[in-house]
Amino acid sequence: MYPASTKVNFHVEKGSNPNYLALVIKLLQGDDDVVAVDIKQEGKDKWIEFKESWGAVWRIDIPDKIIGPFTVRYTTEGGTKTVAEDVIPKGWKLDTSYETK
């Protein structure tokens, strides 16, 4: 398990849009691989599961528009689940990184 001070970077990939979101998640301190990713939109109860695209890229294709802010939940190879509340803001931008506080 990582200490509370561990920073995580969420990069919104080029090509993302309101119906397709691709993320790269980088653990800035630590080397466990991410094995599962979900997001939840503000005001919603349902988690949306990402699919591993290629390499470290995770993606979702959905018919409903996704609007931030998003909470991201990820699971590492060691089984640790972490939730980053509202880490991707409303008005998120392509090719931009957002970091946990």
C-alpha atoms as a PDB file:
ATOM      1  CA  MET A   1       0.000   0.000   0.000  1.00  0.00           C
ATOM      2  CA  TYR A   2       1.278   3.475  -0.843  1.00  0.00           C
ATOM      3  CA  PRO A   3       1.534   6.242   1.726  1.00  0.00           C
ATOM      4  CA  ALA A   4      -1.103   9.004   1.611  1.00  0.00           C
ATOM      5  CA  SER A   5       1.464  11.368   0.078  1.00  0.00           C
ATOM      6  CA  THR A   6       1.792   9.244  -3.096  1.00  0.00           C
ATOM      7  CA  LYS A   7       0.906  11.315  -6.168  1.00  0.00           C
ATOM      8  CA  VAL A   8      -0.954   9.816  -9.109  1.00  0.00           C
ATOM      9  CA  ASN A   9      -1.127  11.371 -12.570  1.00  0.00           C
ATOM     10  CA  PHE A  10      -4.146  10.904 -14.870  1.00  0.00           C
ATOM     11  CA  HIS A  11      -3.433  11.877 -18.487  1.00  0.00           C
ATOM     12  CA  VAL A  12      -6.379  12.436 -20.872  1.00  0.00           C
ATOM     13  CA  GLU A  13      -5.200  11.129 -24.227  1.00  0.00           C
ATOM     14  CA  LYS A  14      -5.584  12.862 -27.595  1.00  0.00           C
ATOM     15  CA  GLY A  15      -8.709  11.669 -29.389  1.00  0.00           C
ATOM     16  CA  SER A  16     -10.856  11.667 -26.252  1.00  0.00           C
ATOM     17  CA  ASN A  17     -14.297  13.246 -26.584  1.00  0.00           C
ATOM     18  CA  PRO A  18     -17.618  13.237 -24.666  1.00  0.00           C
ATOM     19  CA  ASN A  19     -18.362   9.659 -25.879  1.00  0.00           C
ATOM     20  CA  TYR A  20     -14.831   8.232 -25.729  1.00  0.00           C
ATOM     21  CA  LEU A  21     -12.332   8.743 -22.930  1.00  0.00           C
ATOM     22  CA  ALA A  22      -8.796   7.368 -22.885  1.00  0.00           C
ATOM     23  CA  LEU A  23      -6.588   7.698 -19.821  1.00  0.00           C
ATOM     24  CA  VAL A  24      -3.039   6.823 -18.880  1.00  0.00           C
ATOM     25  CA  ILE A  25      -2.549   6.435 -15.136  1.00  0.00           C
ATOM     26  CA  LYS A  26       0.935   6.895 -13.754  1.00  0.00           C
ATOM     27  CA  LEU A  27       1.820   6.114 -10.175  1.00  0.00           C
ATOM     28  CA  LEU A  28       4.471   8.731  -9.585  1.00  0.00           C
ATOM     29  CA  GLN A  29       5.894   6.938  -6.560  1.00  0.00           C
ATOM     30  CA  GLY A  30       5.762   3.188  -6.839  1.00  0.00           C
ATOM     31  CA  ASP A  31       5.920   0.568  -9.516  1.00  0.00           C
ATOM     32  CA  ASP A  32       2.771  -1.580  -9.288  1.00  0.00           C
ATOM     33  CA  ASP A  33       0.905  -1.904 -12.560  1.00  0.00           C
ATOM     34  CA  VAL A  34      -2.703  -0.738 -12.769  1.00  0.00           C
ATOM     35  CA  VAL A  35      -4.987  -3.717 -13.554  1.00  0.00           C
ATOM     36  CA  ALA A  36      -8.483  -2.132 -13.397  1.00  0.00           C
ATOM     37  CA  VAL A  37      -9.928   1.374 -13.817  1.00  0.00           C
ATOM     38  CA  ASP A  38     -13.445   2.777 -13.289  1.00  0.00           C
ATOM     39  CA  ILE A  39     -14.856   6.311 -13.300  1.00  0.00           C
ATOM     40  CA  LYS A  40     -17.914   7.891 -11.778  1.00  0.00           C
ATOM     41  CA  GLN A  41     -19.381  11.199 -12.880  1.00  0.00           C
ATOM     42  CA  GLU A  42     -20.326  13.776 -10.281  1.00  0.00           C
ATOM     43  CA  GLY A  43     -23.897  13.225  -9.131  1.00  0.00           C
ATOM     44  CA  LYS A  44     -24.074   9.643 -10.470  1.00  0.00           C
ATOM     45  CA  ASP A  45     -24.065   6.404  -8.485  1.00  0.00           C
ATOM     46  CA  LYS A  46     -22.841   4.074 -11.212  1.00  0.00           C
ATOM     47  CA  TRP A  47     -19.174   3.285 -11.828  1.00  0.00           C
ATOM     48  CA  ILE A  48     -18.206   2.901 -15.500  1.00  0.00           C
ATOM     49  CA  GLU A  49     -15.573   0.241 -16.174  1.00  0.00           C
ATOM     50  CA  PHE A  50     -12.678   1.033 -18.505  1.00  0.00           C
ATOM     51  CA  LYS A  51     -11.149  -1.505 -20.880  1.00  0.00           C
ATOM     52  CA  GLU A  52      -7.402  -1.831 -21.267  1.00  0.00           C
ATOM     53  CA  SER A  53      -6.632  -0.492 -24.729  1.00  0.00           C
ATOM     54  CA  TRP A  54      -2.894  -0.968 -25.232  1.00  0.00           C
ATOM     55  CA  GLY A  55       0.122  -0.436 -23.015  1.00  0.00           C
ATOM     56  CA  ALA A  56      -0.881   1.811 -20.130  1.00  0.00           C
ATOM     57  CA  VAL A  57      -3.924   3.274 -21.964  1.00  0.00           C
ATOM     58  CA  TRP A  58      -7.408   2.621 -20.524  1.00  0.00           C
ATOM     59  CA  ARG A  59     -10.540   3.586 -22.481  1.00  0.00           C
ATOM     60  CA  ILE A  60     -14.322   3.706 -22.459  1.00  0.00           C
ATOM     61  CA  ASP A  61     -16.771   4.099 -25.344  1.00  0.00           C
ATOM     62  CA  ILE A  62     -20.250   5.070 -24.195  1.00  0.00           C
ATOM     63  CA  PRO A  63     -23.376   6.383 -25.937  1.00  0.00           C
ATOM     64  CA  ASP A  64     -24.129   8.975 -23.231  1.00  0.00           C
ATOM     65  CA  LYS A  65     -21.929  12.033 -23.024  1.00  0.00           C
ATOM     66  CA  ILE A  66     -19.539  12.009 -20.104  1.00  0.00           C
ATOM     67  CA  ILE A  67     -19.056  15.306 -18.368  1.00  0.00           C
ATOM     68  CA  GLY A  68     -16.657  15.945 -15.505  1.00  0.00           C
ATOM     69  CA  PRO A  69     -15.775  16.162 -12.818  1.00  0.00           C
ATOM     70  CA  PHE A  70     -14.887  12.483 -12.559  1.00  0.00           C
ATOM     71  CA  THR A  71     -13.824  10.364  -9.663  1.00  0.00           C
ATOM     72  CA  VAL A  72     -11.386   7.654 -10.757  1.00  0.00           C
ATOM     73  CA  ARG A  73     -11.035   4.309  -8.990  1.00  0.00           C
ATOM     74  CA  TYR A  74      -8.084   2.111  -9.901  1.00  0.00           C
ATOM     75  CA  THR A  75      -6.775  -1.239  -8.724  1.00  0.00           C
ATOM     76  CA  THR A  76      -3.098  -2.190  -8.734  1.00  0.00           C
ATOM     77  CA  GLU A  77      -1.523  -5.576  -9.360  1.00  0.00           C
ATOM     78  CA  GLY A  78      -1.165  -6.006  -5.593  1.00  0.00           C
ATOM     79  CA  GLY A  79      -4.949  -5.664  -5.163  1.00  0.00           C
ATOM     80  CA  THR A  80      -4.953  -2.164  -3.663  1.00  0.00           C
ATOM     81  CA  LYS A  81      -8.007  -0.115  -4.694  1.00  0.00           C
ATOM     82  CA  THR A  82      -7.645   3.650  -4.604  1.00  0.00           C
ATOM     83  CA  VAL A  83     -10.272   6.327  -5.257  1.00  0.00           C
ATOM     84  CA  ALA A  84      -9.218   9.776  -6.526  1.00  0.00           C
ATOM     85  CA  GLU A  85     -12.203  12.061  -5.873  1.00  0.00           C
ATOM     86  CA  ASP A  86     -13.046  14.543  -8.658  1.00  0.00           C
ATOM     87  CA  VAL A  87      -9.501  14.314 -10.032  1.00  0.00           C
ATOM     88  CA  ILE A  88     -10.574  15.079 -13.613  1.00  0.00           C
ATOM     89  CA  PRO A  89     -12.437  18.396 -13.637  1.00  0.00           C
ATOM     90  CA  LYS A  90     -15.437  19.663 -15.527  1.00  0.00           C
ATOM     91  CA  GLY A  91     -14.152  21.078 -18.811  1.00  0.00           C
ATOM     92  CA  TRP A  92     -11.301  18.550 -19.003  1.00  0.00           C
ATOM     93  CA  LYS A  93      -8.929  19.021 -21.922  1.00  0.00           C
ATOM     94  CA  LEU A  94      -7.220  16.682 -24.381  1.00  0.00           C
ATOM     95  CA  ASP A  95      -3.564  15.842 -23.907  1.00  0.00           C
ATOM     96  CA  THR A  96      -3.670  17.183 -20.345  1.00  0.00           C
ATOM     97  CA  SER A  97      -2.558  15.615 -17.084  1.00  0.00           C
ATOM     98  CA  TYR A  98      -4.368  15.909 -13.763  1.00  0.00           C
ATOM     99  CA  GLU A  99      -2.659  14.945 -10.528  1.00  0.00           C
ATOM    100  CA  THR A 100      -4.021  13.914  -7.169  1.00  0.00           C
ATOM    101  CA  LYS A 101      -3.517  16.449  -4.413  1.00  0.00           C
END
